[in-house]
Amino acid sequence: MLRMQRLARPLGRGLAGQRGFAAIASMEELAAAREGPKAVLYFTAQWCGPCRAIAPVFDKLEAEHGEGVTFAKVDIDALPDAAGLERIQSVPTFVFIEGGEAVERFSGADRDRLTASVEDLAER
């Protein structure tokens, strides 16, 4: 079992404290993202065309809702254990976390569903 650990940099912030999503680089960071009150985990891969297509939508939603929801990207090739732990079978896959539990998940580059799911999570 993974031990929960706080991140050295806050999730929802990019490099040097700038706004932006957190790129998950370790299983400990993934565990920390899951323990937050609300999070959207975006499982992706560099070679994935649909992932590249939906990325600007994810970034826009982070800019709109990043104060109340943590946004994090997980590259399944860089962190394959995360894909196994989260049972990721295809990319892009989005996992919505509330209170440490997955409350929704879906695969595919569906802009409307991603927007609606993020807005729903943010309003809870």
N, C-alpha and C. Protein backbone atom coordinates (compact mmCIF):
# COMPACT_ATOMS: atom_id res chain seq x y z
N MET A 1 0.83 -1.18 0.00
CA MET A 1 0.00 0.00 0.00
C MET A 1 0.88 1.25 0.00
N LEU A 2 0.46 2.25 -0.74
CA LEU A 2 1.20 3.49 -0.82
C LEU A 2 1.01 4.32 0.42
N ARG A 3 2.07 4.92 0.88
CA ARG A 3 1.99 5.84 2.00
C ARG A 3 1.67 7.22 1.45
N MET A 4 0.67 7.88 2.01
CA MET A 4 0.30 9.21 1.55
C MET A 4 1.39 10.19 1.94
N GLN A 5 1.70 11.09 1.03
CA GLN A 5 2.76 12.05 1.27
C GLN A 5 2.39 13.35 0.58
N ARG A 6 2.68 14.45 1.21
CA ARG A 6 2.40 15.76 0.63
C ARG A 6 3.42 16.04 -0.48
N LEU A 7 2.98 16.78 -1.48
CA LEU A 7 3.86 17.14 -2.58
C LEU A 7 4.78 18.28 -2.17
N ALA A 8 5.97 18.30 -2.76
CA ALA A 8 6.90 19.40 -2.52
C ALA A 8 6.35 20.70 -3.10
N ARG A 9 5.61 20.61 -4.21
CA ARG A 9 4.96 21.77 -4.80
C ARG A 9 3.46 21.50 -4.77
N PRO A 10 2.67 22.53 -4.54
CA PRO A 10 1.23 22.29 -4.47
C PRO A 10 0.68 21.85 -5.82
N LEU A 11 -0.27 20.93 -5.80
CA LEU A 11 -0.96 20.57 -7.01
C LEU A 11 -1.77 21.76 -7.48
N GLY A 12 -2.02 21.81 -8.78
CA GLY A 12 -2.75 22.95 -9.32
C GLY A 12 -1.83 24.13 -9.61
N ARG A 13 -0.55 23.95 -9.39
CA ARG A 13 0.43 24.99 -9.67
C ARG A 13 1.51 24.40 -10.56
N GLY A 14 1.95 25.17 -11.50
CA GLY A 14 3.02 24.72 -12.39
C GLY A 14 4.36 25.03 -11.78
N LEU A 15 5.38 25.10 -12.61
CA LEU A 15 6.72 25.43 -12.15
C LEU A 15 6.76 26.84 -11.61
N ALA A 16 7.58 27.06 -10.65
CA ALA A 16 7.79 28.38 -10.05
C ALA A 16 6.50 28.99 -9.51
N GLY A 17 5.55 28.14 -9.09
CA GLY A 17 4.33 28.62 -8.46
C GLY A 17 3.31 29.20 -9.41
N GLN A 18 3.55 29.08 -10.72
CA GLN A 18 2.59 29.59 -11.69
C GLN A 18 1.37 28.70 -11.70
N ARG A 19 0.23 29.27 -12.07
CA ARG A 19 -0.99 28.48 -12.21
C ARG A 19 -0.77 27.46 -13.29
N GLY A 20 -1.44 26.34 -13.18
CA GLY A 20 -1.35 25.30 -14.18
C GLY A 20 -1.50 23.95 -13.51
N PHE A 21 -1.67 22.93 -14.33
CA PHE A 21 -1.85 21.59 -13.79
C PHE A 21 -0.53 21.07 -13.23
N ALA A 22 -0.63 20.06 -12.36
CA ALA A 22 0.55 19.38 -11.85
C ALA A 22 0.79 18.16 -12.73
N ALA A 23 2.03 17.98 -13.13
CA ALA A 23 2.41 16.77 -13.86
C ALA A 23 2.86 15.75 -12.81
N ILE A 24 2.12 14.68 -12.68
CA ILE A 24 2.42 13.66 -11.67
C ILE A 24 3.65 12.87 -12.12
N ALA A 25 4.67 12.85 -11.26
CA ALA A 25 5.93 12.21 -11.63
C ALA A 25 6.27 11.00 -10.76
N SER A 26 5.43 10.72 -9.76
CA SER A 26 5.72 9.58 -8.88
C SER A 26 4.41 9.04 -8.31
N MET A 27 4.48 7.82 -7.81
CA MET A 27 3.30 7.22 -7.18
C MET A 27 2.92 7.99 -5.92
N GLU A 28 3.89 8.57 -5.24
CA GLU A 28 3.59 9.36 -4.05
C GLU A 28 2.80 10.61 -4.42
N GLU A 29 3.17 11.24 -5.54
CA GLU A 29 2.42 12.42 -5.98
C GLU A 29 1.00 12.03 -6.39
N LEU A 30 0.84 10.89 -7.02
CA LEU A 30 -0.49 10.42 -7.38
C LEU A 30 -1.33 10.20 -6.12
N ALA A 31 -0.75 9.59 -5.10
CA ALA A 31 -1.46 9.35 -3.84
C ALA A 31 -1.86 10.68 -3.20
N ALA A 32 -0.97 11.67 -3.24
CA ALA A 32 -1.27 12.98 -2.67
C ALA A 32 -2.40 13.67 -3.43
N ALA A 33 -2.41 13.53 -4.75
CA ALA A 33 -3.48 14.12 -5.55
C ALA A 33 -4.82 13.49 -5.21
N ARG A 34 -4.82 12.20 -4.99
CA ARG A 34 -6.06 11.48 -4.67
C ARG A 34 -6.61 11.84 -3.30
N GLU A 35 -5.76 12.28 -2.40
CA GLU A 35 -6.25 12.56 -1.05
C GLU A 35 -6.81 13.98 -0.91
N GLY A 36 -6.68 14.80 -1.91
CA GLY A 36 -7.23 16.15 -1.85
C GLY A 36 -8.75 16.13 -1.88
N PRO A 37 -9.37 17.26 -1.56
CA PRO A 37 -10.83 17.28 -1.51
C PRO A 37 -11.49 17.05 -2.87
N LYS A 38 -10.94 17.63 -3.94
CA LYS A 38 -11.48 17.46 -5.29
C LYS A 38 -10.33 17.46 -6.28
N ALA A 39 -10.36 16.51 -7.22
CA ALA A 39 -9.28 16.44 -8.21
C ALA A 39 -9.79 15.83 -9.50
N VAL A 40 -9.16 16.24 -10.59
CA VAL A 40 -9.37 15.61 -11.89
C VAL A 40 -8.02 15.07 -12.33
N LEU A 41 -7.93 13.76 -12.48
CA LEU A 41 -6.71 13.11 -12.94
C LEU A 41 -6.88 12.79 -14.42
N TYR A 42 -5.95 13.25 -15.22
CA TYR A 42 -5.99 13.10 -16.68
C TYR A 42 -4.86 12.15 -17.06
N PHE A 43 -5.21 10.93 -17.44
CA PHE A 43 -4.22 9.93 -17.86
C PHE A 43 -4.03 10.05 -19.36
N THR A 44 -2.78 10.23 -19.78
CA THR A 44 -2.46 10.58 -21.15
C THR A 44 -1.18 9.89 -21.59
N ALA A 45 -0.82 10.08 -22.84
CA ALA A 45 0.45 9.60 -23.39
C ALA A 45 0.85 10.53 -24.52
N GLN A 46 2.14 10.72 -24.71
CA GLN A 46 2.63 11.65 -25.73
C GLN A 46 2.24 11.20 -27.13
N TRP A 47 2.16 9.92 -27.37
CA TRP A 47 1.86 9.38 -28.70
C TRP A 47 0.36 9.40 -29.02
N CYS A 48 -0.48 9.78 -28.10
CA CYS A 48 -1.94 9.70 -28.23
C CYS A 48 -2.52 10.95 -28.90
N GLY A 49 -3.03 10.78 -30.11
CA GLY A 49 -3.65 11.90 -30.84
C GLY A 49 -4.86 12.49 -30.14
N PRO A 50 -5.82 11.66 -29.69
CA PRO A 50 -6.97 12.22 -28.97
C PRO A 50 -6.56 12.95 -27.68
N CYS A 51 -5.49 12.49 -27.04
CA CYS A 51 -5.00 13.18 -25.84
C CYS A 51 -4.53 14.59 -26.18
N ARG A 52 -3.81 14.72 -27.29
CA ARG A 52 -3.36 16.05 -27.72
C ARG A 52 -4.54 16.94 -28.09
N ALA A 53 -5.59 16.34 -28.65
CA ALA A 53 -6.77 17.12 -29.04
C ALA A 53 -7.54 17.66 -27.84
N ILE A 54 -7.62 16.88 -26.76
CA ILE A 54 -8.41 17.28 -25.59
C ILE A 54 -7.59 18.12 -24.60
N ALA A 55 -6.28 18.13 -24.71
CA ALA A 55 -5.42 18.84 -23.76
C ALA A 55 -5.76 20.32 -23.63
N PRO A 56 -6.04 21.05 -24.71
CA PRO A 56 -6.40 22.47 -24.52
C PRO A 56 -7.70 22.66 -23.74
N VAL A 57 -8.62 21.73 -23.87
CA VAL A 57 -9.88 21.81 -23.10
C VAL A 57 -9.57 21.61 -21.62
N PHE A 58 -8.74 20.62 -21.31
CA PHE A 58 -8.33 20.36 -19.92
C PHE A 58 -7.65 21.60 -19.34
N ASP A 59 -6.74 22.20 -20.11
CA ASP A 59 -6.03 23.39 -19.64
C ASP A 59 -6.99 24.56 -19.39
N LYS A 60 -7.97 24.74 -20.27
CA LYS A 60 -8.96 25.81 -20.12
C LYS A 60 -9.81 25.59 -18.86
N LEU A 61 -10.21 24.35 -18.64
CA LEU A 61 -11.00 24.04 -17.45
C LEU A 61 -10.20 24.26 -16.18
N GLU A 62 -8.91 23.96 -16.22
CA GLU A 62 -8.05 24.22 -15.06
C GLU A 62 -8.00 25.71 -14.77
N ALA A 63 -7.89 26.53 -15.83
CA ALA A 63 -7.84 27.98 -15.64
C ALA A 63 -9.14 28.50 -15.03
N GLU A 64 -10.26 27.88 -15.38
CA GLU A 64 -11.56 28.32 -14.89
C GLU A 64 -11.90 27.79 -13.49
N HIS A 65 -11.44 26.57 -13.17
CA HIS A 65 -11.87 25.91 -11.93
C HIS A 65 -10.71 25.50 -11.03
N GLY A 66 -9.50 25.93 -11.33
CA GLY A 66 -8.31 25.49 -10.61
C GLY A 66 -8.21 25.92 -9.17
N GLU A 67 -9.01 26.89 -8.77
CA GLU A 67 -8.96 27.32 -7.37
C GLU A 67 -9.62 26.30 -6.44
N GLY A 68 -10.65 25.61 -6.90
CA GLY A 68 -11.36 24.68 -6.05
C GLY A 68 -11.14 23.22 -6.37
N VAL A 69 -10.50 22.96 -7.52
CA VAL A 69 -10.29 21.58 -7.97
C VAL A 69 -8.83 21.44 -8.39
N THR A 70 -8.19 20.36 -7.95
CA THR A 70 -6.83 20.05 -8.38
C THR A 70 -6.89 19.37 -9.75
N PHE A 71 -6.06 19.82 -10.67
CA PHE A 71 -5.95 19.23 -11.99
C PHE A 71 -4.56 18.63 -12.13
N ALA A 72 -4.48 17.36 -12.51
CA ALA A 72 -3.19 16.69 -12.63
C ALA A 72 -3.15 15.79 -13.85
N LYS A 73 -2.02 15.80 -14.56
CA LYS A 73 -1.81 14.94 -15.71
C LYS A 73 -0.85 13.82 -15.34
N VAL A 74 -1.17 12.61 -15.80
CA VAL A 74 -0.33 11.45 -15.55
C VAL A 74 0.01 10.82 -16.90
N ASP A 75 1.29 10.82 -17.26
CA ASP A 75 1.74 10.18 -18.49
C ASP A 75 1.92 8.69 -18.19
N ILE A 76 1.12 7.85 -18.82
CA ILE A 76 1.14 6.42 -18.50
C ILE A 76 2.43 5.74 -18.93
N ASP A 77 3.17 6.32 -19.87
CA ASP A 77 4.45 5.74 -20.27
C ASP A 77 5.54 6.10 -19.27
N ALA A 78 5.46 7.28 -18.71
CA ALA A 78 6.43 7.72 -17.70
C ALA A 78 6.16 7.10 -16.34
N LEU A 79 4.89 6.75 -16.07
CA LEU A 79 4.50 6.21 -14.77
C LEU A 79 3.52 5.05 -14.98
N PRO A 80 4.02 3.93 -15.52
CA PRO A 80 3.14 2.80 -15.84
C PRO A 80 2.45 2.19 -14.62
N ASP A 81 3.06 2.27 -13.45
CA ASP A 81 2.42 1.73 -12.25
C ASP A 81 1.13 2.46 -11.93
N ALA A 82 1.07 3.75 -12.27
CA ALA A 82 -0.14 4.52 -12.02
C ALA A 82 -1.29 4.01 -12.89
N ALA A 83 -0.98 3.66 -14.13
CA ALA A 83 -2.02 3.13 -15.02
C ALA A 83 -2.57 1.81 -14.48
N GLY A 84 -1.70 0.99 -13.95
CA GLY A 84 -2.14 -0.28 -13.37
C GLY A 84 -2.98 -0.06 -12.13
N LEU A 85 -2.53 0.82 -11.25
CA LEU A 85 -3.25 1.09 -10.01
C LEU A 85 -4.65 1.63 -10.28
N GLU A 86 -4.76 2.51 -11.27
CA GLU A 86 -6.05 3.14 -11.59
C GLU A 86 -6.85 2.35 -12.63
N ARG A 87 -6.33 1.20 -13.05
CA ARG A 87 -7.01 0.34 -14.03
C ARG A 87 -7.29 1.08 -15.34
N ILE A 88 -6.28 1.80 -15.82
CA ILE A 88 -6.40 2.55 -17.07
C ILE A 88 -6.18 1.59 -18.23
N GLN A 89 -7.15 1.48 -19.11
CA GLN A 89 -7.05 0.58 -20.25
C GLN A 89 -6.92 1.33 -21.57
N SER A 90 -7.25 2.62 -21.58
CA SER A 90 -7.09 3.43 -22.78
C SER A 90 -6.89 4.88 -22.36
N VAL A 91 -6.34 5.65 -23.28
CA VAL A 91 -6.14 7.09 -23.02
C VAL A 91 -6.77 7.87 -24.15
N PRO A 92 -7.24 9.05 -23.85
CA PRO A 92 -7.25 9.68 -22.54
C PRO A 92 -8.33 9.08 -21.62
N THR A 93 -8.01 9.02 -20.35
CA THR A 93 -8.97 8.64 -19.32
C THR A 93 -8.94 9.72 -18.24
N PHE A 94 -10.12 10.10 -17.80
CA PHE A 94 -10.27 11.10 -16.75
C PHE A 94 -10.89 10.45 -15.53
N VAL A 95 -10.29 10.68 -14.36
CA VAL A 95 -10.81 10.15 -13.09
C VAL A 95 -11.09 11.36 -12.20
N PHE A 96 -12.31 11.43 -11.71
CA PHE A 96 -12.76 12.54 -10.87
C PHE A 96 -12.81 12.08 -9.43
N ILE A 97 -12.09 12.79 -8.56
CA ILE A 97 -11.92 12.42 -7.16
C ILE A 97 -12.64 13.44 -6.28
N GLU A 98 -13.37 12.93 -5.30
CA GLU A 98 -13.95 13.79 -4.28
C GLU A 98 -13.79 13.09 -2.94
N GLY A 99 -13.16 13.78 -1.99
CA GLY A 99 -12.97 13.20 -0.67
C GLY A 99 -12.13 11.93 -0.69
N GLY A 100 -11.19 11.84 -1.62
CA GLY A 100 -10.31 10.69 -1.70
C GLY A 100 -10.85 9.50 -2.47
N GLU A 101 -12.09 9.60 -2.96
CA GLU A 101 -12.73 8.50 -3.69
C GLU A 101 -13.05 8.90 -5.12
N ALA A 102 -12.89 7.96 -6.04
CA ALA A 102 -13.28 8.21 -7.42
C ALA A 102 -14.80 8.25 -7.50
N VAL A 103 -15.35 9.35 -8.01
CA VAL A 103 -16.79 9.51 -8.11
C VAL A 103 -17.27 9.39 -9.56
N GLU A 104 -16.33 9.49 -10.49
CA GLU A 104 -16.66 9.35 -11.92
C GLU A 104 -15.37 9.08 -12.67
N ARG A 105 -15.51 8.39 -13.79
CA ARG A 105 -14.37 8.19 -14.70
C ARG A 105 -14.93 7.91 -16.07
N PHE A 106 -14.18 8.34 -17.08
CA PHE A 106 -14.53 8.00 -18.46
C PHE A 106 -13.30 8.09 -19.32
N SER A 107 -13.34 7.39 -20.43
CA SER A 107 -12.26 7.40 -21.41
C SER A 107 -12.76 8.04 -22.69
N GLY A 108 -11.87 8.71 -23.38
CA GLY A 108 -12.21 9.33 -24.65
C GLY A 108 -12.07 10.84 -24.59
N ALA A 109 -11.92 11.44 -25.76
CA ALA A 109 -11.73 12.89 -25.88
C ALA A 109 -13.06 13.58 -26.11
N ASP A 110 -13.98 13.41 -25.16
CA ASP A 110 -15.32 14.00 -25.25
C ASP A 110 -15.31 15.35 -24.53
N ARG A 111 -15.20 16.41 -25.30
CA ARG A 111 -15.10 17.77 -24.75
C ARG A 111 -16.32 18.13 -23.90
N ASP A 112 -17.49 17.81 -24.39
CA ASP A 112 -18.71 18.18 -23.66
C ASP A 112 -18.81 17.43 -22.33
N ARG A 113 -18.51 16.15 -22.35
CA ARG A 113 -18.59 15.37 -21.11
C ARG A 113 -17.53 15.84 -20.12
N LEU A 114 -16.31 16.12 -20.59
CA LEU A 114 -15.26 16.60 -19.70
C LEU A 114 -15.68 17.91 -19.06
N THR A 115 -16.19 18.83 -19.86
CA THR A 115 -16.62 20.13 -19.33
C THR A 115 -17.74 19.96 -18.30
N ALA A 116 -18.74 19.18 -18.64
CA ALA A 116 -19.86 18.96 -17.71
C ALA A 116 -19.41 18.28 -16.42
N SER A 117 -18.52 17.30 -16.53
CA SER A 117 -18.06 16.58 -15.34
C SER A 117 -17.23 17.47 -14.43
N VAL A 118 -16.36 18.31 -15.01
CA VAL A 118 -15.56 19.23 -14.20
C VAL A 118 -16.47 20.26 -13.53
N GLU A 119 -17.41 20.81 -14.28
CA GLU A 119 -18.33 21.79 -13.69
C GLU A 119 -19.15 21.18 -12.57
N ASP A 120 -19.60 19.94 -12.75
CA ASP A 120 -20.35 19.26 -11.71
C ASP A 120 -19.51 19.06 -10.45
N LEU A 121 -18.28 18.61 -10.63
CA LEU A 121 -17.38 18.40 -9.49
C LEU A 121 -17.10 19.72 -8.78
N ALA A 122 -16.86 20.78 -9.54
CA ALA A 122 -16.53 22.08 -8.95
C ALA A 122 -17.70 22.65 -8.14
N GLU A 123 -18.92 22.35 -8.55
CA GLU A 123 -20.10 22.91 -7.88
C GLU A 123 -20.50 22.14 -6.62
N ARG A 124 -19.98 20.94 -6.43
CA ARG A 124 -20.36 20.14 -5.26
C ARG A 124 -19.84 20.76 -3.98
